[in-house]
């Protein structure tokens, strides 16, 4: 895989061992993380993976085209944002598919022609080019902020990921707009509530047990510091910004843990792991960038920074 390019996680619904091996090789060569899941564990896999890029399913998955159609319809009903890409036996065309299946898949491919799969992946997942300096810089500046706030914890960063899902991780998140001459959108920090409350209580950052207000204060401070570092490094004086730009509504459904930024574009996501070496406890923070209002990577620029400015569950087989 290209280490400077974000990866994307795809669920692989495939019964044929030979094709599993072919898909594994394709994933290795195309910045994809393939997660093979059995039919009996599919519902659990969807619940536990909220950061997917696509679903790869064979037309004979589950034993028949009728069964693969039923499975695709269930996935589409639950996660309509996820592209469903079907592997056909003899042709990359969608001709002859059951009408219901054809309505929910976004593309088809054959194993003998990897280019047919690559075309669909490029169209629905890797359809934006993120400058290497931006991807690397976001991880660096966020890790620096986290290390400053949690000096007693080690900070690790997973590979950046392209996500089509709109599912919110955890119970709490912060949201802040980003605006420059080359991008407009939002940054979101997501977290599970209890691990952070436990961390705050252990560090005695509040009198007695920490509550949600302490968590809100911490998450607000973290978000503001990352935003400030991003602004200093990538926005500068924001010359060229228009003051009469279009806005779109954000939509949040708390019950379904769903958020929409008004755009079909994938999100650029980062996961950070804060580890207490003594107890071994890990707190995960998920950072999501939705450049949903404007994206012009050809105008991207990085400003020179001073030193002060830079501080601020078993159901899957991983290929």
C-alpha atoms as a PDB file:
ATOM      1  CA  UNK A   1       0.000   0.000   0.000  1.00  0.00           C
ATOM      2  CA  UNK A   2       0.991   3.621  -0.549  1.00  0.00           C
ATOM      3  CA  UNK A   3       1.790   4.841   2.976  1.00  0.00           C
ATOM      4  CA  UNK A   4       1.024   8.454   2.041  1.00  0.00           C
ATOM      5  CA  UNK A   5      -2.474   7.711   0.806  1.00  0.00           C
ATOM      6  CA  UNK A   6      -5.447   7.073   3.107  1.00  0.00           C
ATOM      7  CA  UNK A   7      -6.832   3.550   3.158  1.00  0.00           C
ATOM      8  CA  UNK A   8     -10.480   2.472   3.163  1.00  0.00           C
ATOM      9  CA  UNK A   9     -12.130  -0.463   4.923  1.00  0.00           C
ATOM     10  CA  UNK A  10     -14.387  -2.718   2.853  1.00  0.00           C
ATOM     11  CA  UNK A  11     -16.527  -5.636   4.005  1.00  0.00           C
ATOM     12  CA  UNK A  12     -15.941  -8.681   1.799  1.00  0.00           C
ATOM     13  CA  UNK A  13     -18.890 -11.065   1.396  1.00  0.00           C
ATOM     14  CA  UNK A  14     -17.364 -13.903  -0.574  1.00  0.00           C
ATOM     15  CA  UNK A  15     -17.729 -17.705  -0.335  1.00  0.00           C
ATOM     16  CA  UNK A  16     -15.172 -18.814  -2.935  1.00  0.00           C
ATOM     17  CA  UNK A  17     -11.623 -19.295  -1.507  1.00  0.00           C
ATOM     18  CA  UNK A  18      -9.998 -18.573  -4.867  1.00  0.00           C
ATOM     19  CA  UNK A  19     -11.804 -15.270  -5.189  1.00  0.00           C
ATOM     20  CA  UNK A  20     -11.053 -14.406  -1.562  1.00  0.00           C
ATOM     21  CA  UNK A  21      -7.349 -14.674  -2.409  1.00  0.00           C
ATOM     22  CA  UNK A  22      -7.786 -12.511  -5.512  1.00  0.00           C
ATOM     23  CA  UNK A  23      -9.615  -9.839  -3.512  1.00  0.00           C
ATOM     24  CA  UNK A  24      -6.929  -9.976  -0.820  1.00  0.00           C
ATOM     25  CA  UNK A  25      -4.281  -9.227  -3.431  1.00  0.00           C
ATOM     26  CA  UNK A  26      -6.392  -6.436  -4.915  1.00  0.00           C
ATOM     27  CA  UNK A  27      -6.808  -4.832  -1.493  1.00  0.00           C
ATOM     28  CA  UNK A  28      -3.069  -4.987  -0.817  1.00  0.00           C
ATOM     29  CA  UNK A  29      -2.337  -3.233  -4.100  1.00  0.00           C
ATOM     30  CA  UNK A  30      -5.068  -0.586  -3.889  1.00  0.00           C
ATOM     31  CA  UNK A  31      -5.000   0.874  -0.359  1.00  0.00           C
ATOM     32  CA  UNK A  32      -7.977  -1.131   0.839  1.00  0.00           C
ATOM     33  CA  UNK A  33      -8.364  -2.978   4.142  1.00  0.00           C
ATOM     34  CA  UNK A  34     -10.504  -6.027   3.389  1.00  0.00           C
ATOM     35  CA  UNK A  35     -12.577  -7.496   6.212  1.00  0.00           C
ATOM     36  CA  UNK A  36     -14.047 -10.882   5.351  1.00  0.00           C
ATOM     37  CA  UNK A  37     -17.255 -11.641   7.197  1.00  0.00           C
ATOM     38  CA  UNK A  38     -19.405 -14.752   7.317  1.00  0.00           C
ATOM     39  CA  UNK A  39     -23.125 -14.596   6.630  1.00  0.00           C
ATOM     40  CA  UNK A  40     -23.972 -15.464  10.251  1.00  0.00           C
ATOM     41  CA  UNK A  41     -21.888 -12.559  11.544  1.00  0.00           C
ATOM     42  CA  UNK A  42     -22.888  -9.910   9.038  1.00  0.00           C
ATOM     43  CA  UNK A  43     -25.328  -8.050  11.299  1.00  0.00           C
ATOM     44  CA  UNK A  44     -22.769  -7.948  14.107  1.00  0.00           C
ATOM     45  CA  UNK A  45     -20.037  -6.778  11.722  1.00  0.00           C
ATOM     46  CA  UNK A  46     -22.177  -3.888  10.519  1.00  0.00           C
ATOM     47  CA  UNK A  47     -22.924  -2.846  14.091  1.00  0.00           C
ATOM     48  CA  UNK A  48     -19.278  -2.872  15.136  1.00  0.00           C
ATOM     49  CA  UNK A  49     -17.832  -1.209  12.017  1.00  0.00           C
ATOM     50  CA  UNK A  50     -19.018   2.372  11.575  1.00  0.00           C
ATOM     51  CA  UNK A  51     -16.142   3.529   9.337  1.00  0.00           C
ATOM     52  CA  UNK A  52     -16.563   1.541   6.137  1.00  0.00           C
ATOM     53  CA  UNK A  53     -15.942   2.585   2.562  1.00  0.00           C
ATOM     54  CA  UNK A  54     -17.883  -0.085   0.639  1.00  0.00           C
ATOM     55  CA  UNK A  55     -19.312  -3.598   0.549  1.00  0.00           C
ATOM     56  CA  UNK A  56     -17.926  -6.203  -1.880  1.00  0.00           C
ATOM     57  CA  UNK A  57     -20.375  -9.065  -2.440  1.00  0.00           C
ATOM     58  CA  UNK A  58     -20.459 -11.932  -4.927  1.00  0.00           C
ATOM     59  CA  UNK A  59     -23.658 -12.658  -6.825  1.00  0.00           C
ATOM     60  CA  UNK A  60     -23.648 -16.199  -5.426  1.00  0.00           C
ATOM     61  CA  UNK A  61     -22.943 -15.224  -1.810  1.00  0.00           C
ATOM     62  CA  UNK A  62     -25.031 -17.339   0.542  1.00  0.00           C
ATOM     63  CA  UNK A  63     -25.553 -19.960  -2.148  1.00  0.00           C
ATOM     64  CA  UNK A  64     -27.671 -18.188  -4.748  1.00  0.00           C
ATOM     65  CA  UNK A  65     -28.392 -14.919  -6.515  1.00  0.00           C
ATOM     66  CA  UNK A  66     -31.665 -14.741  -4.568  1.00  0.00           C
ATOM     67  CA  UNK A  67     -29.833 -14.920  -1.245  1.00  0.00           C
ATOM     68  CA  UNK A  68     -27.212 -12.347  -2.265  1.00  0.00           C
ATOM     69  CA  UNK A  69     -30.058 -10.063  -3.378  1.00  0.00           C
ATOM     70  CA  UNK A  70     -31.767 -10.380   0.009  1.00  0.00           C
ATOM     71  CA  UNK A  71     -28.489  -9.623   1.805  1.00  0.00           C
ATOM     72  CA  UNK A  72     -27.759  -6.589  -0.388  1.00  0.00           C
ATOM     73  CA  UNK A  73     -31.244  -5.227   0.249  1.00  0.00           C
ATOM     74  CA  UNK A  74     -30.802  -5.571   4.021  1.00  0.00           C
ATOM     75  CA  UNK A  75     -27.453  -3.786   3.915  1.00  0.00           C
ATOM     76  CA  UNK A  76     -28.819  -0.983   1.744  1.00  0.00           C
ATOM     77  CA  UNK A  77     -31.799  -0.494   4.048  1.00  0.00           C
ATOM     78  CA  UNK A  78     -29.511  -0.190   7.078  1.00  0.00           C
ATOM     79  CA  UNK A  79     -26.577   1.706   5.524  1.00  0.00           C
ATOM     80  CA  UNK A  80     -27.679   3.314   2.242  1.00  0.00           C
ATOM     81  CA  UNK A  81     -24.536   5.487   2.128  1.00  0.00           C
ATOM     82  CA  UNK A  82     -22.322   2.428   1.573  1.00  0.00           C
ATOM     83  CA  UNK A  83     -21.626   1.544  -2.078  1.00  0.00           C
ATOM     84  CA  UNK A  84     -22.430  -2.119  -2.768  1.00  0.00           C
ATOM     85  CA  UNK A  85     -20.199  -3.590  -5.483  1.00  0.00           C
ATOM     86  CA  UNK A  86     -21.107  -7.001  -6.861  1.00  0.00           C
ATOM     87  CA  UNK A  87     -18.755  -9.608  -8.284  1.00  0.00           C
ATOM     88  CA  UNK A  88     -20.221 -11.352 -11.301  1.00  0.00           C
ATOM     89  CA  UNK A  89     -19.107 -14.644 -12.761  1.00  0.00           C
ATOM     90  CA  UNK A  90     -18.736 -13.776 -16.432  1.00  0.00           C
ATOM     91  CA  UNK A  91     -19.341 -10.073 -17.141  1.00  0.00           C
ATOM     92  CA  UNK A  92     -18.708  -6.754 -15.416  1.00  0.00           C
ATOM     93  CA  UNK A  93     -22.013  -5.472 -16.807  1.00  0.00           C
ATOM     94  CA  UNK A  94     -25.123  -5.329 -14.629  1.00  0.00           C
ATOM     95  CA  UNK A  95     -27.318  -6.810 -17.357  1.00  0.00           C
ATOM     96  CA  UNK A  96     -29.436  -9.685 -16.136  1.00  0.00           C
ATOM     97  CA  UNK A  97     -29.301  -8.837 -12.436  1.00  0.00           C
ATOM     98  CA  UNK A  98     -32.585  -9.100 -10.545  1.00  0.00           C
ATOM     99  CA  UNK A  99     -34.319  -5.735 -10.652  1.00  0.00           C
ATOM    100  CA  UNK A 100     -34.222  -5.312  -6.865  1.00  0.00           C
ATOM    101  CA  UNK A 101     -30.493  -6.063  -6.737  1.00  0.00           C
ATOM    102  CA  UNK A 102     -29.683  -3.803  -9.675  1.00  0.00           C
ATOM    103  CA  UNK A 103     -31.435  -0.964  -7.844  1.00  0.00           C
ATOM    104  CA  UNK A 104     -29.097  -1.077  -4.814  1.00  0.00           C
ATOM    105  CA  UNK A 105     -25.682  -1.940  -6.276  1.00  0.00           C
ATOM    106  CA  UNK A 106     -23.497   0.860  -7.600  1.00  0.00           C
ATOM    107  CA  UNK A 107     -21.267  -1.241  -9.843  1.00  0.00           C
ATOM    108  CA  UNK A 108     -20.170  -4.712 -10.934  1.00  0.00           C
ATOM    109  CA  UNK A 109     -16.860  -6.403 -11.693  1.00  0.00           C
ATOM    110  CA  UNK A 110     -15.352  -9.759 -12.608  1.00  0.00           C
ATOM    111  CA  UNK A 111     -12.356 -11.272 -10.837  1.00  0.00           C
ATOM    112  CA  UNK A 112     -10.501 -11.763 -14.124  1.00  0.00           C
ATOM    113  CA  UNK A 113     -10.543  -7.989 -14.742  1.00  0.00           C
ATOM    114  CA  UNK A 114      -9.283  -6.078 -11.654  1.00  0.00           C
ATOM    115  CA  UNK A 115      -9.562  -2.831 -13.607  1.00  0.00           C
ATOM    116  CA  UNK A 116     -13.348  -3.141 -13.530  1.00  0.00           C
ATOM    117  CA  UNK A 117     -13.253  -3.150  -9.723  1.00  0.00           C
ATOM    118  CA  UNK A 118     -10.640  -0.415  -9.600  1.00  0.00           C
ATOM    119  CA  UNK A 119     -12.902   1.832 -11.691  1.00  0.00           C
ATOM    120  CA  UNK A 120     -15.797   1.521  -9.224  1.00  0.00           C
ATOM    121  CA  UNK A 121     -13.498   1.960  -6.192  1.00  0.00           C
ATOM    122  CA  UNK A 122     -12.048   5.141  -7.703  1.00  0.00           C
ATOM    123  CA  UNK A 123     -15.496   6.504  -8.464  1.00  0.00           C
ATOM    124  CA  UNK A 124     -17.077   5.911  -5.058  1.00  0.00           C
ATOM    125  CA  UNK A 125     -14.202   5.875  -2.526  1.00  0.00           C
ATOM    126  CA  UNK A 126     -11.005   7.439  -3.841  1.00  0.00           C
ATOM    127  CA  UNK A 127     -12.726  10.183  -5.814  1.00  0.00           C
ATOM    128  CA  UNK A 128     -10.835  12.969  -4.047  1.00  0.00           C
ATOM    129  CA  UNK A 129      -7.118  13.599  -3.923  1.00  0.00           C
ATOM    130  CA  UNK A 130      -5.862  14.604  -0.479  1.00  0.00           C
ATOM    131  CA  UNK A 131      -2.425  16.271  -0.515  1.00  0.00           C
ATOM    132  CA  UNK A 132       0.159  14.177   1.321  1.00  0.00           C
ATOM    133  CA  UNK A 133       1.264  17.209   3.316  1.00  0.00           C
ATOM    134  CA  UNK A 134      -2.303  17.744   4.555  1.00  0.00           C
ATOM    135  CA  UNK A 135      -2.885  14.124   5.609  1.00  0.00           C
ATOM    136  CA  UNK A 136       0.496  13.870   7.306  1.00  0.00           C
ATOM    137  CA  UNK A 137       0.135  17.311   8.897  1.00  0.00           C
ATOM    138  CA  UNK A 138      -3.303  16.667  10.398  1.00  0.00           C
ATOM    139  CA  UNK A 139      -2.033  13.541  12.145  1.00  0.00           C
ATOM    140  CA  UNK A 140       1.076  15.364  13.358  1.00  0.00           C
ATOM    141  CA  UNK A 141      -0.650  18.436  14.746  1.00  0.00           C
ATOM    142  CA  UNK A 142      -3.431  16.411  16.386  1.00  0.00           C
ATOM    143  CA  UNK A 143      -0.943  14.023  17.995  1.00  0.00           C
ATOM    144  CA  UNK A 144       1.020  17.015  19.283  1.00  0.00           C
ATOM    145  CA  UNK A 145      -2.098  18.511  20.877  1.00  0.00           C
ATOM    146  CA  UNK A 146      -3.076  15.164  22.411  1.00  0.00           C
ATOM    147  CA  UNK A 147       0.414  14.624  23.797  1.00  0.00           C
ATOM    148  CA  UNK A 148       0.270  18.065  25.386  1.00  0.00           C
ATOM    149  CA  UNK A 149      -3.111  17.464  27.016  1.00  0.00           C
ATOM    150  CA  UNK A 150      -2.328  13.876  28.037  1.00  0.00           C
ATOM    151  CA  UNK A 151       1.372  13.979  28.790  1.00  0.00           C
ATOM    152  CA  UNK A 152       1.110  10.850  30.950  1.00  0.00           C
ATOM    153  CA  UNK A 153      -0.366   8.757  28.111  1.00  0.00           C
ATOM    154  CA  UNK A 154       1.156   7.403  24.932  1.00  0.00           C
ATOM    155  CA  UNK A 155      -0.478   8.520  21.688  1.00  0.00           C
ATOM    156  CA  UNK A 156      -0.732   6.295  18.618  1.00  0.00           C
ATOM    157  CA  UNK A 157      -2.355   7.110  15.290  1.00  0.00           C
ATOM    158  CA  UNK A 158      -3.964   4.583  12.955  1.00  0.00           C
ATOM    159  CA  UNK A 159      -3.625   4.915   9.200  1.00  0.00           C
ATOM    160  CA  UNK A 160      -5.886   7.683   7.832  1.00  0.00           C
ATOM    161  CA  UNK A 161      -9.050   6.282   6.333  1.00  0.00           C
ATOM    162  CA  UNK A 162     -11.625   7.238   3.698  1.00  0.00           C
ATOM    163  CA  UNK A 163     -15.125   6.597   5.037  1.00  0.00           C
ATOM    164  CA  UNK A 164     -18.508   6.568   3.313  1.00  0.00           C
ATOM    165  CA  UNK A 165     -20.432   5.723   6.490  1.00  0.00           C
ATOM    166  CA  UNK A 166     -22.373   8.432   8.290  1.00  0.00           C
ATOM    167  CA  UNK A 167     -22.565   6.568  11.616  1.00  0.00           C
ATOM    168  CA  UNK A 168     -21.426   8.432  14.738  1.00  0.00           C
ATOM    169  CA  UNK A 169     -18.971   6.686  17.055  1.00  0.00           C
ATOM    170  CA  UNK A 170     -19.654   6.865  20.784  1.00  0.00           C
ATOM    171  CA  UNK A 171     -22.026   9.141  22.663  1.00  0.00           C
ATOM    172  CA  UNK A 172     -20.275  12.503  22.485  1.00  0.00           C
ATOM    173  CA  UNK A 173     -18.810  14.553  19.682  1.00  0.00           C
ATOM    174  CA  UNK A 174     -17.661  18.089  18.974  1.00  0.00           C
ATOM    175  CA  UNK A 175     -18.099  19.906  15.682  1.00  0.00           C
ATOM    176  CA  UNK A 176     -16.288  22.970  14.376  1.00  0.00           C
ATOM    177  CA  UNK A 177     -16.316  24.600  10.904  1.00  0.00           C
ATOM    178  CA  UNK A 178     -13.171  24.840   8.793  1.00  0.00           C
ATOM    179  CA  UNK A 179     -12.874  27.532   6.164  1.00  0.00           C
ATOM    180  CA  UNK A 180     -10.031  28.612   3.905  1.00  0.00           C
ATOM    181  CA  UNK A 181      -9.442  29.637   0.321  1.00  0.00           C
ATOM    182  CA  UNK A 182      -9.064  25.963  -0.662  1.00  0.00           C
ATOM    183  CA  UNK A 183     -11.608  24.171   1.544  1.00  0.00           C
ATOM    184  CA  UNK A 184     -14.822  24.601   3.501  1.00  0.00           C
ATOM    185  CA  UNK A 185     -16.330  22.003   5.762  1.00  0.00           C
ATOM    186  CA  UNK A 186     -16.226  20.628   9.287  1.00  0.00           C
ATOM    187  CA  UNK A 187     -14.009  18.774  11.706  1.00  0.00           C
ATOM    188  CA  UNK A 188     -15.618  16.409  14.194  1.00  0.00           C
ATOM    189  CA  UNK A 189     -14.088  14.653  17.211  1.00  0.00           C
ATOM    190  CA  UNK A 190     -16.043  11.584  18.375  1.00  0.00           C
ATOM    191  CA  UNK A 191     -15.587   9.511  21.519  1.00  0.00           C
ATOM    192  CA  UNK A 192     -17.257   7.017  23.826  1.00  0.00           C
ATOM    193  CA  UNK A 193     -18.231   8.801  27.021  1.00  0.00           C
ATOM    194  CA  UNK A 194     -17.341   6.348  29.793  1.00  0.00           C
ATOM    195  CA  UNK A 195     -13.653   5.688  28.965  1.00  0.00           C
ATOM    196  CA  UNK A 196     -12.928   9.423  29.058  1.00  0.00           C
ATOM    197  CA  UNK A 197     -14.887   9.894  32.296  1.00  0.00           C
ATOM    198  CA  UNK A 198     -12.857   7.077  33.827  1.00  0.00           C
ATOM    199  CA  UNK A 199      -9.661   8.714  32.613  1.00  0.00           C
ATOM    200  CA  UNK A 200     -10.620  12.092  34.044  1.00  0.00           C
ATOM    201  CA  UNK A 201     -11.572  10.572  37.398  1.00  0.00           C
ATOM    202  CA  UNK A 202      -8.298   8.639  37.647  1.00  0.00           C
ATOM    203  CA  UNK A 203      -6.292  11.760  36.881  1.00  0.00           C
ATOM    204  CA  UNK A 204      -8.261  13.745  39.505  1.00  0.00           C
ATOM    205  CA  UNK A 205      -9.030  16.492  37.029  1.00  0.00           C
ATOM    206  CA  UNK A 206     -12.350  17.051  38.789  1.00  0.00           C
ATOM    207  CA  UNK A 207     -13.422  16.978  42.428  1.00  0.00           C
ATOM    208  CA  UNK A 208     -14.630  13.454  43.031  1.00  0.00           C
ATOM    209  CA  UNK A 209     -15.916  11.505  40.063  1.00  0.00           C
ATOM    210  CA  UNK A 210     -15.852  13.366  36.761  1.00  0.00           C
ATOM    211  CA  UNK A 211     -19.184  14.054  35.044  1.00  0.00           C
ATOM    212  CA  UNK A 212     -20.271  14.910  31.528  1.00  0.00           C
ATOM    213  CA  UNK A 213     -19.521  18.618  32.069  1.00  0.00           C
ATOM    214  CA  UNK A 214     -15.859  17.815  32.691  1.00  0.00           C
ATOM    215  CA  UNK A 215     -15.859  15.698  29.544  1.00  0.00           C
ATOM    216  CA  UNK A 216     -17.499  18.498  27.552  1.00  0.00           C
ATOM    217  CA  UNK A 217     -14.894  20.969  28.774  1.00  0.00           C
ATOM    218  CA  UNK A 218     -12.033  18.658  27.814  1.00  0.00           C
ATOM    219  CA  UNK A 219     -13.444  17.863  24.387  1.00  0.00           C
ATOM    220  CA  UNK A 220     -14.101  21.554  23.746  1.00  0.00           C
ATOM    221  CA  UNK A 221     -10.538  22.472  24.687  1.00  0.00           C
ATOM    222  CA  UNK A 222      -9.125  19.670  22.533  1.00  0.00           C
ATOM    223  CA  UNK A 223     -11.211  20.679  19.516  1.00  0.00           C
ATOM    224  CA  UNK A 224     -10.310  24.341  19.858  1.00  0.00           C
ATOM    225  CA  UNK A 225      -6.583  23.590  20.092  1.00  0.00           C
ATOM    226  CA  UNK A 226      -6.638  21.336  17.026  1.00  0.00           C
ATOM    227  CA  UNK A 227      -8.667  23.932  15.121  1.00  0.00           C
ATOM    228  CA  UNK A 228      -6.160  26.640  16.063  1.00  0.00           C
ATOM    229  CA  UNK A 229      -3.223  24.514  14.918  1.00  0.00           C
ATOM    230  CA  UNK A 230      -5.016  23.693  11.649  1.00  0.00           C
ATOM    231  CA  UNK A 231      -5.823  27.370  11.061  1.00  0.00           C
ATOM    232  CA  UNK A 232      -2.244  28.493  11.692  1.00  0.00           C
ATOM    233  CA  UNK A 233      -0.778  25.800   9.469  1.00  0.00           C
ATOM    234  CA  UNK A 234      -3.206  25.692   6.562  1.00  0.00           C
ATOM    235  CA  UNK A 235      -5.449  28.753   6.561  1.00  0.00           C
ATOM    236  CA  UNK A 236      -3.154  31.715   7.207  1.00  0.00           C
ATOM    237  CA  UNK A 237      -4.947  35.032   6.796  1.00  0.00           C
ATOM    238  CA  UNK A 238      -7.650  33.346   4.660  1.00  0.00           C
ATOM    239  CA  UNK A 239      -7.294  35.822   1.803  1.00  0.00           C
ATOM    240  CA  UNK A 240      -9.661  35.126  -1.033  1.00  0.00           C
ATOM    241  CA  UNK A 241     -12.557  33.911   1.099  1.00  0.00           C
ATOM    242  CA  UNK A 242     -15.984  34.892  -0.121  1.00  0.00           C
ATOM    243  CA  UNK A 243     -18.472  36.246   2.395  1.00  0.00           C
ATOM    244  CA  UNK A 244     -21.558  35.212   0.435  1.00  0.00           C
ATOM    245  CA  UNK A 245     -21.095  31.477   0.251  1.00  0.00           C
ATOM    246  CA  UNK A 246     -23.757  28.794   0.152  1.00  0.00           C
ATOM    247  CA  UNK A 247     -24.527  26.852   3.333  1.00  0.00           C
ATOM    248  CA  UNK A 248     -26.236  23.477   3.671  1.00  0.00           C
ATOM    249  CA  UNK A 249     -28.026  22.154   6.763  1.00  0.00           C
ATOM    250  CA  UNK A 250     -26.441  19.529   8.981  1.00  0.00           C
ATOM    251  CA  UNK A 251     -28.716  16.652   9.906  1.00  0.00           C
ATOM    252  CA  UNK A 252     -28.216  14.690  13.121  1.00  0.00           C
ATOM    253  CA  UNK A 253     -30.394  11.758  14.200  1.00  0.00           C
ATOM    254  CA  UNK A 254     -29.398  10.869  17.765  1.00  0.00           C
ATOM    255  CA  UNK A 255     -31.447   7.696  17.932  1.00  0.00           C
ATOM    256  CA  UNK A 256     -29.836   6.280  14.790  1.00  0.00           C
ATOM    257  CA  UNK A 257     -26.394   7.773  15.639  1.00  0.00           C
ATOM    258  CA  UNK A 258     -26.370   9.335  12.186  1.00  0.00           C
ATOM    259  CA  UNK A 259     -24.969  12.603  10.887  1.00  0.00           C
ATOM    260  CA  UNK A 260     -25.091  14.124   7.414  1.00  0.00           C
ATOM    261  CA  UNK A 261     -23.124  17.139   6.206  1.00  0.00           C
ATOM    262  CA  UNK A 262     -25.302  17.581   3.131  1.00  0.00           C
ATOM    263  CA  UNK A 263     -22.857  15.942   0.749  1.00  0.00           C
ATOM    264  CA  UNK A 264     -22.280  12.455  -0.677  1.00  0.00           C
ATOM    265  CA  UNK A 265     -18.503  12.907  -0.577  1.00  0.00           C
ATOM    266  CA  UNK A 266     -16.499  10.470   1.577  1.00  0.00           C
ATOM    267  CA  UNK A 267     -14.913  11.732   4.790  1.00  0.00           C
ATOM    268  CA  UNK A 268     -11.226  11.795   5.719  1.00  0.00           C
ATOM    269  CA  UNK A 269     -10.896  10.105   9.118  1.00  0.00           C
ATOM    270  CA  UNK A 270      -8.206   9.536  11.727  1.00  0.00           C
ATOM    271  CA  UNK A 271      -8.241   7.345  14.845  1.00  0.00           C
ATOM    272  CA  UNK A 272      -6.034   8.122  17.866  1.00  0.00           C
ATOM    273  CA  UNK A 273      -5.371   5.701  20.721  1.00  0.00           C
ATOM    274  CA  UNK A 274      -4.419   7.084  24.137  1.00  0.00           C
ATOM    275  CA  UNK A 275      -2.843   4.345  26.240  1.00  0.00           C
ATOM    276  CA  UNK A 276      -2.169   4.334  29.961  1.00  0.00           C
ATOM    277  CA  UNK A 277       0.963   2.179  30.105  1.00  0.00           C
ATOM    278  CA  UNK A 278       0.454   1.315  33.782  1.00  0.00           C
ATOM    279  CA  UNK A 279      -3.118   0.052  33.544  1.00  0.00           C
ATOM    280  CA  UNK A 280      -3.124  -0.840  29.843  1.00  0.00           C
ATOM    281  CA  UNK A 281      -6.402   1.018  29.351  1.00  0.00           C
ATOM    282  CA  UNK A 282      -6.972   2.566  25.947  1.00  0.00           C
ATOM    283  CA  UNK A 283      -9.128   5.558  25.028  1.00  0.00           C
ATOM    284  CA  UNK A 284      -9.984   5.987  21.342  1.00  0.00           C
ATOM    285  CA  UNK A 285     -10.733   9.317  19.677  1.00  0.00           C
ATOM    286  CA  UNK A 286     -12.075   9.516  16.143  1.00  0.00           C
ATOM    287  CA  UNK A 287     -11.444  12.605  14.041  1.00  0.00           C
ATOM    288  CA  UNK A 288     -13.453  13.212  10.908  1.00  0.00           C
ATOM    289  CA  UNK A 289     -13.041  15.865   8.185  1.00  0.00           C
ATOM    290  CA  UNK A 290     -16.002  16.548   5.909  1.00  0.00           C
ATOM    291  CA  UNK A 291     -14.963  19.048   3.233  1.00  0.00           C
ATOM    292  CA  UNK A 292     -18.560  19.185   2.100  1.00  0.00           C
ATOM    293  CA  UNK A 293     -18.950  22.824   1.067  1.00  0.00           C
ATOM    294  CA  UNK A 294     -15.812  23.463  -0.985  1.00  0.00           C
ATOM    295  CA  UNK A 295     -12.747  21.432  -1.962  1.00  0.00           C
ATOM    296  CA  UNK A 296      -9.934  22.744  -4.188  1.00  0.00           C
ATOM    297  CA  UNK A 297      -6.779  20.739  -3.400  1.00  0.00           C
ATOM    298  CA  UNK A 298      -4.951  22.428  -6.269  1.00  0.00           C
ATOM    299  CA  UNK A 299      -5.035  25.631  -4.148  1.00  0.00           C
ATOM    300  CA  UNK A 300      -3.815  23.927  -0.975  1.00  0.00           C
ATOM    301  CA  UNK A 301      -0.863  25.546   0.753  1.00  0.00           C
ATOM    302  CA  UNK A 302       0.991  24.968   3.990  1.00  0.00           C
ATOM    303  CA  UNK A 303       2.250  27.932   6.006  1.00  0.00           C
ATOM    304  CA  UNK A 304       5.570  27.903   7.785  1.00  0.00           C
ATOM    305  CA  UNK A 305       5.137  27.276  11.496  1.00  0.00           C
ATOM    306  CA  UNK A 306       7.100  28.281  14.548  1.00  0.00           C
ATOM    307  CA  UNK A 307       7.662  25.841  17.388  1.00  0.00           C
ATOM    308  CA  UNK A 308       5.025  27.619  19.503  1.00  0.00           C
ATOM    309  CA  UNK A 309       2.392  27.399  16.765  1.00  0.00           C
ATOM    310  CA  UNK A 310       2.703  23.606  16.550  1.00  0.00           C
ATOM    311  CA  UNK A 311       1.717  22.981  20.184  1.00  0.00           C
ATOM    312  CA  UNK A 312      -1.665  23.913  20.796  1.00  0.00           C
ATOM    313  CA  UNK A 313     -15.278  -8.610  18.462  1.00  0.00           C
ATOM    314  CA  UNK A 314     -14.191 -11.668  16.514  1.00  0.00           C
ATOM    315  CA  UNK A 315     -16.577 -11.702  13.543  1.00  0.00           C
ATOM    316  CA  UNK A 316     -14.056 -10.442  10.984  1.00  0.00           C
ATOM    317  CA  UNK A 317     -10.953 -11.796   9.295  1.00  0.00           C
ATOM    318  CA  UNK A 318      -8.479  -9.051   8.416  1.00  0.00           C
ATOM    319  CA  UNK A 319      -6.895  -9.683   5.027  1.00  0.00           C
END
